[in-house]
Amino acid sequence: MYRWYKILTYLFYPFANIFLLLRKLKRKEDTNRYKEKLSIIKKQRGNGFLVWFHAASVGECLSILPLVQKLEQDTKVNKILITSVTLSSAKVLQDKLVQNKKITHQFLPLDIPKYVNQFLNHWSPNLSIFIDSEIWPNLIFQIKEKSIPLLLINGRITKKSFSRWKYFDSFSKEVFGKFDLCLASSRESEDYLKILGAKNVKNFGNLKFSSTKTNISNKLNSDFLNKINNRKVWCASSTHSFEEIFCGKAHIDLKKDYQNILTIIIPRHVNRINEIAKQLRGLNLNVILYSDVNKMNNKTDILLVDAYGEAPKFFEISKSVFLGGSLIKHGGQNPIEASRLGCKILHGPNIKNFVEIYDLLKSLTISNEINNEGDLRQSLVKGFNDNNPENAESIKKINNYGITVLNSVMKEIKTYINI
């Protein structure tokens, strides 16, 4: 099966540049850096031990930052390379790591043998670490041909992706059998990885519960905070189509009793921002984009966040956070970041992708399921009226859990650095 996959990628090779140019025209690629995906690399490797992390998008990139911070202090590690795929992930990493000379970011090349080989020859990593569910067969096979240790960290295999891989059973065993170590993010993923052919599978828990050291840049500016000082604030994050309207209608209902209410909506996909703004204004709501936050006043109903990586700033000021992708058949979004910052988590019934995490939060009385606007209103009113909204003991348990996961993962990684 791998032979056929490899042939298909060779056939795609002549069209790779055109493919990326078209994506660039659609603003889906970085204008100046898109050729990194063709393994046209301008940065130098440097000497010494290089640890390479690959994470696809924003969430995965943020999840590895606690590991990166620890490895940054390790004198045996001379260089840390982080690759990703999406524009938003590159922007977030650039903002967080711009002054760090030990860490560099590149876009991952397309999974075409020639580009993969050029990439590996240039960077020559001493240790390669894939995050979550990033599986690229040509890359994986060439990594092992070069005898580079290969780890899968915070491995997440959903039921849907498991069914897809299982359809190509022998191929999956070839691919997953190449990993030297797989650290699963859940019991379900642990079981799936073993069935798919991973040989060395361990489960310490979800790395996303770990946190980075507090950074002043994660705070909102004082002018904005002064504007909302006397307002009732709640946040809807990672929302999908329909859910913004749902939240807008809830805002209208709540405003009958709370004239000073401010609803912050952070859509999952920022490219939908104009469509969302139009829909909400259609409900006669006063909508301001975060990029125009200086125009915000006490008449603003909705602050619509049109930037990536800003969610933690708003979680810090929200007693309650509704997590999207849960009122539609999407499977939910990850609630870890908001829960770590002391927010009450509200979600719809469709959370199949994060069942174990929500079970933990429910046991700590941090999360609450809503099924309609009445449920949402009731939960938000309870939060508004609660003078002590943060459950300090539960937050402490979450943070301790995150530290344990982080230390366990680091211990495993260091066995491949100290060889």
Protein backbone atom coordinates (compact mmCIF):
# COMPACT_ATOMS: atom_id res chain seq x y z
CA MET A 1 0.00 0.00 0.00
CA TYR A 2 2.83 2.42 0.85
CA ARG A 3 4.20 1.87 -2.66
CA TRP A 4 0.96 3.20 -4.16
CA TYR A 5 0.89 6.17 -1.79
CA LYS A 6 4.45 7.01 -2.79
CA ILE A 7 3.60 6.79 -6.52
CA LEU A 8 0.62 9.10 -6.05
CA THR A 9 2.79 11.70 -4.32
CA TYR A 10 5.36 11.46 -7.15
CA LEU A 11 2.54 12.09 -9.64
CA PHE A 12 1.52 15.18 -7.66
CA TYR A 13 5.09 16.55 -7.67
CA PRO A 14 4.87 18.50 -11.02
CA PHE A 15 1.77 20.33 -9.75
CA ALA A 16 3.02 21.14 -6.23
CA ASN A 17 4.17 24.68 -7.00
CA ILE A 18 0.93 25.51 -8.85
CA PHE A 19 -1.06 24.08 -5.95
CA LEU A 20 0.72 26.35 -3.46
CA LEU A 21 0.46 29.39 -5.74
CA LEU A 22 -3.30 28.93 -5.95
CA ARG A 23 -3.47 28.64 -2.15
CA LYS A 24 -1.38 31.80 -1.88
CA LEU A 25 -3.85 33.66 -4.11
CA LYS A 26 -6.62 32.53 -1.74
CA ARG A 27 -4.52 33.85 1.18
CA LYS A 28 -4.13 30.38 2.62
CA GLU A 29 -0.32 30.48 2.40
CA ASP A 30 2.32 32.92 3.61
CA THR A 31 3.24 35.24 0.70
CA ASN A 32 6.94 35.26 1.56
CA ARG A 33 7.42 31.81 3.08
CA TYR A 34 5.17 29.43 1.13
CA LYS A 35 8.20 27.97 -0.71
CA GLU A 36 9.33 26.41 2.56
CA LYS A 37 6.70 23.79 1.73
CA LEU A 38 8.80 23.01 -1.35
CA SER A 39 11.86 22.63 0.92
CA ILE A 40 13.38 25.91 -0.23
CA ILE A 41 15.02 26.71 3.10
CA LYS A 42 16.88 29.92 3.90
CA LYS A 43 17.68 29.33 7.56
CA GLN A 44 20.83 27.51 8.69
CA ARG A 45 20.79 24.49 10.95
CA GLY A 46 23.81 25.28 13.07
CA ASN A 47 25.82 22.72 15.03
CA GLY A 48 24.85 20.39 17.86
CA PHE A 49 21.82 18.38 18.98
CA LEU A 50 18.58 19.39 17.23
CA VAL A 51 15.13 18.44 18.53
CA TRP A 52 12.38 18.76 15.95
CA PHE A 53 8.69 19.13 16.86
CA HIS A 54 5.96 18.95 14.26
CA ALA A 55 2.50 20.27 15.14
CA ALA A 56 -0.16 20.99 12.53
CA SER A 57 -2.07 24.01 13.81
CA VAL A 58 -2.50 26.50 16.65
CA GLY A 59 -3.78 24.18 19.37
CA GLU A 60 -1.04 21.62 18.86
CA CYS A 61 1.66 24.31 18.68
CA LEU A 62 0.51 25.84 21.96
CA SER A 63 0.44 22.42 23.62
CA ILE A 64 4.16 21.86 23.07
CA LEU A 65 5.30 25.22 24.46
CA PRO A 66 5.74 23.86 28.02
CA LEU A 67 8.01 21.14 26.57
CA VAL A 68 9.88 23.68 24.47
CA GLN A 69 10.45 25.90 27.52
CA LYS A 70 11.98 23.00 29.42
CA LEU A 71 14.17 21.87 26.51
CA GLU A 72 15.29 25.43 25.98
CA GLN A 73 17.02 25.19 29.38
CA ASP A 74 18.68 21.85 28.55
CA THR A 75 22.35 22.41 27.73
CA LYS A 76 22.44 19.18 25.72
CA VAL A 77 19.93 20.66 23.23
CA ASN A 78 21.46 23.24 20.89
CA LYS A 79 18.55 23.89 18.55
CA ILE A 80 14.78 23.40 18.60
CA LEU A 81 12.98 23.30 15.26
CA ILE A 82 9.19 23.62 15.19
CA THR A 83 7.28 22.91 11.99
CA SER A 84 3.61 23.48 11.35
CA VAL A 85 1.20 23.62 8.43
CA THR A 86 -1.21 26.50 8.94
CA LEU A 87 -0.77 30.26 8.62
CA SER A 88 -2.33 30.87 12.01
CA SER A 89 0.10 28.53 13.78
CA ALA A 90 3.08 30.34 12.24
CA LYS A 91 1.70 33.70 13.40
CA VAL A 92 1.13 32.48 16.97
CA LEU A 93 4.58 30.91 17.20
CA GLN A 94 6.25 34.00 15.76
CA ASP A 95 4.55 36.19 18.38
CA LYS A 96 5.58 33.91 21.24
CA LEU A 97 9.09 32.94 20.16
CA VAL A 98 10.29 35.89 18.10
CA GLN A 99 13.19 36.75 20.45
CA ASN A 100 14.38 33.20 21.06
CA LYS A 101 17.49 32.39 19.03
CA LYS A 102 17.53 28.72 20.07
CA ILE A 103 14.12 28.07 18.51
CA THR A 104 13.18 28.38 14.85
CA HIS A 105 9.97 27.81 12.92
CA GLN A 106 9.52 26.38 9.43
CA PHE A 107 6.52 25.27 7.41
CA LEU A 108 6.48 21.50 6.92
CA PRO A 109 7.21 20.50 3.32
CA LEU A 110 4.59 18.71 1.28
CA ASP A 111 4.76 14.94 1.79
CA ILE A 112 6.55 14.35 -1.51
CA PRO A 113 9.74 12.21 -1.39
CA LYS A 114 12.03 14.83 -2.97
CA TYR A 115 10.94 17.63 -0.62
CA VAL A 116 10.97 15.38 2.42
CA ASN A 117 14.51 14.20 1.63
CA GLN A 118 15.76 17.79 1.13
CA PHE A 119 14.16 18.86 4.39
CA LEU A 120 15.67 16.01 6.43
CA ASN A 121 19.10 16.44 4.83
CA HIS A 122 19.13 20.14 5.62
CA TRP A 123 17.93 19.99 9.22
CA SER A 124 19.32 16.55 10.09
CA PRO A 125 17.30 16.27 13.34
CA ASN A 126 18.65 14.14 16.17
CA LEU A 127 15.15 13.56 17.52
CA SER A 128 11.80 13.96 15.75
CA ILE A 129 8.56 14.43 17.67
CA PHE A 130 5.13 14.50 16.03
CA ILE A 131 2.16 15.94 17.94
CA ASP A 132 -1.45 14.80 18.12
CA SER A 133 -2.52 13.10 14.86
CA GLU A 134 0.03 14.35 12.36
CA ILE A 135 0.86 11.29 10.22
CA TRP A 136 2.75 11.79 6.94
CA PRO A 137 3.88 8.42 5.49
CA ASN A 138 6.74 9.56 3.22
CA LEU A 139 8.16 11.68 6.01
CA ILE A 140 7.84 8.88 8.55
CA PHE A 141 9.46 6.27 6.30
CA GLN A 142 12.40 8.54 5.43
CA ILE A 143 12.93 9.47 9.09
CA LYS A 144 13.34 5.81 9.94
CA GLU A 145 15.55 5.16 6.88
CA LYS A 146 17.89 7.78 8.34
CA SER A 147 17.74 6.09 11.78
CA ILE A 148 16.31 9.18 13.49
CA PRO A 149 14.31 8.43 16.67
CA LEU A 150 10.62 9.12 16.05
CA LEU A 151 8.06 9.87 18.80
CA LEU A 152 4.33 10.61 18.74
CA ILE A 153 3.39 12.84 21.66
CA ASN A 154 -0.15 13.51 22.88
CA GLY A 155 -1.31 11.10 20.20
CA ARG A 156 -5.00 11.48 19.42
CA ILE A 157 -6.87 9.02 17.23
CA THR A 158 -10.59 9.68 16.93
CA LYS A 159 -13.10 6.95 16.14
CA LYS A 160 -13.49 8.41 12.63
CA SER A 161 -9.75 8.47 11.88
CA PHE A 162 -9.35 5.00 13.41
CA SER A 163 -12.00 3.62 11.05
CA ARG A 164 -10.19 5.21 8.08
CA TRP A 165 -6.81 3.76 9.08
CA LYS A 166 -8.34 0.36 9.87
CA TYR A 167 -9.61 0.18 6.31
CA PHE A 168 -5.93 0.06 5.25
CA ASP A 169 -4.94 -2.32 8.00
CA SER A 170 -1.55 -3.52 6.71
CA PHE A 171 -0.56 0.03 5.70
CA SER A 172 -1.47 1.40 9.14
CA LYS A 173 0.69 -1.25 10.81
CA GLU A 174 3.59 -0.26 8.54
CA VAL A 175 3.20 3.43 9.40
CA PHE A 176 2.47 3.29 13.13
CA GLY A 177 5.04 0.55 13.64
CA LYS A 178 7.75 3.06 12.68
CA PHE A 179 7.31 5.09 15.87
CA ASP A 180 9.79 4.34 18.62
CA LEU A 181 7.34 5.62 21.23
CA CYS A 182 3.71 6.76 21.23
CA LEU A 183 2.35 8.73 24.18
CA ALA A 184 -1.44 8.70 23.91
CA SER A 185 -3.62 11.57 25.10
CA SER A 186 -6.49 9.31 26.25
CA ARG A 187 -7.43 5.71 26.95
CA GLU A 188 -9.37 5.54 23.67
CA SER A 189 -6.37 6.76 21.65
CA GLU A 190 -4.10 4.36 23.53
CA ASP A 191 -6.28 1.42 22.49
CA TYR A 192 -6.56 2.60 18.90
CA LEU A 193 -2.81 3.13 18.55
CA LYS A 194 -2.11 -0.40 19.73
CA ILE A 195 -4.62 -1.87 17.27
CA LEU A 196 -3.15 0.23 14.42
CA GLY A 197 0.30 -1.25 14.98
CA ALA A 198 2.13 1.06 17.39
CA LYS A 199 4.50 -1.10 19.44
CA ASN A 200 5.51 1.07 22.40
CA VAL A 201 2.41 2.90 23.67
CA LYS A 202 2.07 4.73 26.98
CA ASN A 203 -0.59 7.02 28.39
CA PHE A 204 0.24 9.71 30.95
CA GLY A 205 -2.75 11.93 30.13
CA ASN A 206 -3.37 14.96 27.92
CA LEU A 207 -0.41 17.31 27.52
CA LYS A 208 -2.76 20.24 26.87
CA PHE A 209 -3.41 20.39 30.63
CA SER A 210 0.17 21.62 31.01
CA SER A 211 0.79 25.34 31.01
CA THR A 212 3.61 27.69 30.08
CA LYS A 213 5.09 30.27 32.41
CA THR A 214 2.94 33.38 32.64
CA ASN A 215 3.82 35.97 30.05
CA ILE A 216 2.81 39.61 30.32
CA SER A 217 1.89 39.59 26.60
CA ASN A 218 -0.99 37.23 27.44
CA LYS A 219 -2.80 40.05 29.26
CA LEU A 220 -5.26 42.52 27.74
CA ASN A 221 -4.21 46.16 27.76
CA SER A 222 -5.38 48.46 30.53
CA ASP A 223 -7.45 50.72 28.22
CA PHE A 224 -9.62 47.79 27.18
CA LEU A 225 -9.94 46.53 30.76
CA ASN A 226 -11.09 49.97 31.91
CA LYS A 227 -13.78 49.97 29.22
CA ILE A 228 -15.30 46.71 30.48
CA ASN A 229 -14.69 47.29 34.19
CA ASN A 230 -18.38 47.49 35.11
CA ARG A 231 -19.75 45.05 32.56
CA LYS A 232 -21.00 41.47 32.84
CA VAL A 233 -18.70 39.54 30.50
CA TRP A 234 -18.95 36.05 29.06
CA CYS A 235 -17.17 34.37 26.19
CA ALA A 236 -18.10 31.96 23.39
CA SER A 237 -14.99 30.34 21.93
CA SER A 238 -14.22 28.13 18.92
CA THR A 239 -17.72 28.68 17.58
CA HIS A 240 -18.98 27.27 14.29
CA SER A 241 -21.78 28.25 11.92
CA PHE A 242 -25.16 28.54 13.73
CA GLU A 243 -23.52 28.82 17.15
CA GLU A 244 -22.77 32.55 16.77
CA ILE A 245 -26.46 33.24 16.09
CA PHE A 246 -27.36 31.05 19.06
CA CYS A 247 -25.08 33.16 21.28
CA GLY A 248 -26.40 36.39 19.80
CA LYS A 249 -29.99 35.45 20.65
CA ALA A 250 -28.90 34.48 24.16
CA HIS A 251 -27.29 37.93 24.49
CA ILE A 252 -30.54 39.63 23.48
CA ASP A 253 -32.46 37.65 26.11
CA LEU A 254 -29.88 38.32 28.84
CA LYS A 255 -29.80 42.04 28.05
CA LYS A 256 -33.38 42.33 29.37
CA ASP A 257 -31.96 41.84 32.86
CA TYR A 258 -28.32 42.85 32.36
CA GLN A 259 -28.09 46.09 30.37
CA ASN A 260 -24.31 46.11 30.75
CA ILE A 261 -23.69 42.64 29.34
CA LEU A 262 -20.81 42.11 26.88
CA THR A 263 -20.57 38.96 24.81
CA ILE A 264 -17.17 38.04 23.37
CA ILE A 265 -17.27 35.64 20.41
CA ILE A 266 -14.10 33.94 19.18
CA PRO A 267 -14.95 31.94 16.03
CA ARG A 268 -13.05 28.77 15.22
CA HIS A 269 -12.32 30.06 11.71
CA VAL A 270 -11.44 33.76 11.46
CA ASN A 271 -12.04 33.76 7.70
CA ARG A 272 -15.80 33.66 8.51
CA ILE A 273 -15.60 36.94 10.45
CA ASN A 274 -17.45 39.17 7.94
CA GLU A 275 -20.23 36.62 7.52
CA ILE A 276 -20.64 36.33 11.30
CA ALA A 277 -20.64 40.10 11.82
CA LYS A 278 -23.35 40.49 9.17
CA GLN A 279 -25.51 37.79 10.79
CA LEU A 280 -25.21 39.32 14.26
CA ARG A 281 -25.90 42.85 13.00
CA GLY A 282 -28.99 41.34 11.38
CA LEU A 283 -30.22 40.76 14.93
CA ASN A 284 -29.81 44.52 15.58
CA LEU A 285 -26.76 43.91 17.74
CA ASN A 286 -23.94 46.42 18.01
CA VAL A 287 -20.90 44.45 16.83
CA ILE A 288 -17.26 45.59 17.03
CA LEU A 289 -14.28 43.66 15.67
CA TYR A 290 -11.29 43.17 17.97
CA SER A 291 -9.10 44.81 15.31
CA ASP A 292 -11.26 47.94 15.81
CA VAL A 293 -11.44 47.62 19.61
CA ASN A 294 -10.66 51.34 20.04
CA LYS A 295 -14.17 52.00 18.69
CA MET A 296 -15.76 49.93 21.45
CA ASN A 297 -18.01 51.73 23.96
CA ASN A 298 -20.69 50.93 26.54
CA LYS A 299 -23.22 50.36 23.74
CA THR A 300 -21.21 47.51 22.22
CA ASP A 301 -23.10 44.22 22.45
CA ILE A 302 -20.68 41.83 20.78
CA LEU A 303 -16.90 41.91 20.58
CA LEU A 304 -16.01 39.68 17.65
CA VAL A 305 -12.39 38.48 17.85
CA ASP A 306 -10.81 38.46 14.38
CA ALA A 307 -7.33 37.21 15.37
CA TYR A 308 -5.80 33.85 16.23
CA GLY A 309 -4.18 32.96 19.55
CA GLU A 310 -6.06 35.60 21.57
CA ALA A 311 -8.49 33.31 23.41
CA PRO A 312 -6.51 32.98 26.70
CA LYS A 313 -6.61 36.75 27.17
CA PHE A 314 -10.41 36.68 27.13
CA PHE A 315 -10.67 33.53 29.25
CA GLU A 316 -8.82 35.50 31.94
CA ILE A 317 -11.70 38.01 32.20
CA SER A 318 -14.66 35.62 31.71
CA LYS A 319 -16.44 33.75 34.48
CA SER A 320 -18.13 31.47 31.96
CA VAL A 321 -17.01 30.18 28.56
CA PHE A 322 -19.17 28.40 26.02
CA LEU A 323 -17.11 25.99 23.88
CA GLY A 324 -18.35 25.68 20.31
CA GLY A 325 -18.49 22.75 17.93
CA SER A 326 -20.78 21.14 20.49
CA LEU A 327 -24.24 22.27 19.42
CA ILE A 328 -23.60 20.94 15.92
CA LYS A 329 -22.38 17.52 14.85
CA HIS A 330 -18.70 18.39 15.03
CA GLY A 331 -17.62 16.62 18.21
CA GLY A 332 -16.77 19.64 20.34
CA GLN A 333 -13.64 21.68 20.94
CA ASN A 334 -10.95 21.26 23.57
CA PRO A 335 -11.98 22.89 26.90
CA ILE A 336 -8.64 22.49 28.69
CA GLU A 337 -7.23 26.00 28.24
CA ALA A 338 -10.35 27.75 29.54
CA SER A 339 -10.71 25.36 32.49
CA ARG A 340 -7.10 25.92 33.55
CA LEU A 341 -7.80 29.65 33.75
CA GLY A 342 -10.70 29.17 36.17
CA CYS A 343 -13.64 29.44 33.78
CA LYS A 344 -16.88 27.54 34.10
CA ILE A 345 -17.18 25.49 30.89
CA LEU A 346 -20.52 25.40 29.07
CA HIS A 347 -20.97 23.02 26.13
CA GLY A 348 -23.58 21.40 23.95
CA PRO A 349 -24.31 17.64 23.80
CA ASN A 350 -21.91 16.83 20.93
CA ILE A 351 -18.52 16.38 22.60
CA LYS A 352 -17.48 12.94 21.35
CA ASN A 353 -13.92 14.07 20.51
CA PHE A 354 -13.19 15.07 24.12
CA VAL A 355 -15.30 12.73 26.24
CA GLU A 356 -12.58 11.85 28.77
CA ILE A 357 -11.63 15.49 29.30
CA TYR A 358 -15.23 16.53 29.85
CA ASP A 359 -15.76 13.60 32.23
CA LEU A 360 -12.86 14.91 34.33
CA LEU A 361 -14.19 18.48 34.29
CA LYS A 362 -17.69 17.28 35.17
CA SER A 363 -16.31 15.34 38.16
CA LEU A 364 -14.73 18.61 39.34
CA THR A 365 -18.05 20.48 38.78
CA ILE A 366 -16.33 22.74 36.26
CA SER A 367 -18.41 21.92 33.16
CA ASN A 368 -22.12 22.03 32.43
CA GLU A 369 -24.08 20.77 29.40
CA ILE A 370 -26.56 23.08 27.70
CA ASN A 371 -29.11 22.11 25.06
CA ASN A 372 -30.97 25.34 24.34
CA GLU A 373 -30.91 29.10 24.90
CA GLY A 374 -32.76 28.68 28.21
CA ASP A 375 -30.02 26.39 29.54
CA LEU A 376 -27.35 28.84 28.43
CA ARG A 377 -29.14 31.77 30.06
CA GLN A 378 -29.60 29.88 33.33
CA SER A 379 -25.91 28.90 33.50
CA LEU A 380 -24.69 32.40 32.66
CA VAL A 381 -26.99 34.06 35.21
CA LYS A 382 -25.68 31.68 37.86
CA GLY A 383 -22.14 32.68 36.96
CA PHE A 384 -22.97 36.41 36.99
CA ASN A 385 -24.51 36.11 40.46
CA ASP A 386 -21.71 34.01 41.91
CA ASN A 387 -19.36 36.19 43.94
CA ASN A 388 -16.78 33.39 44.07
CA PRO A 389 -16.93 31.85 40.58
CA GLU A 390 -13.52 30.21 40.64
CA ASN A 391 -13.23 26.80 42.25
CA ALA A 392 -9.70 27.16 43.59
CA GLU A 393 -9.45 23.53 44.65
CA SER A 394 -10.51 22.24 41.24
CA ILE A 395 -8.11 24.60 39.45
CA LYS A 396 -5.31 23.38 41.71
CA LYS A 397 -6.15 19.76 40.83
CA ILE A 398 -6.11 20.57 37.11
CA ASN A 399 -2.75 22.35 37.38
CA ASN A 400 -1.23 19.52 39.41
CA TYR A 401 -2.49 17.02 36.85
CA GLY A 402 -0.91 19.09 34.07
CA ILE A 403 2.42 19.24 35.88
CA THR A 404 2.42 15.47 36.36
CA VAL A 405 1.69 14.89 32.65
CA LEU A 406 4.38 17.37 31.59
CA ASN A 407 7.05 15.85 33.83
CA SER A 408 6.19 12.31 32.68
CA VAL A 409 6.40 13.28 29.00
CA MET A 410 9.67 15.15 29.55
CA LYS A 411 11.18 12.13 31.27
CA GLU A 412 10.42 10.00 28.20
CA ILE A 413 11.79 12.60 25.77
CA LYS A 414 15.03 12.97 27.73
CA THR A 415 15.80 9.27 27.37
CA TYR A 416 16.29 10.00 23.64
CA ILE A 417 18.42 13.07 24.32
CA ASN A 418 20.72 11.44 26.86
CA ILE A 419 21.60 8.46 24.65
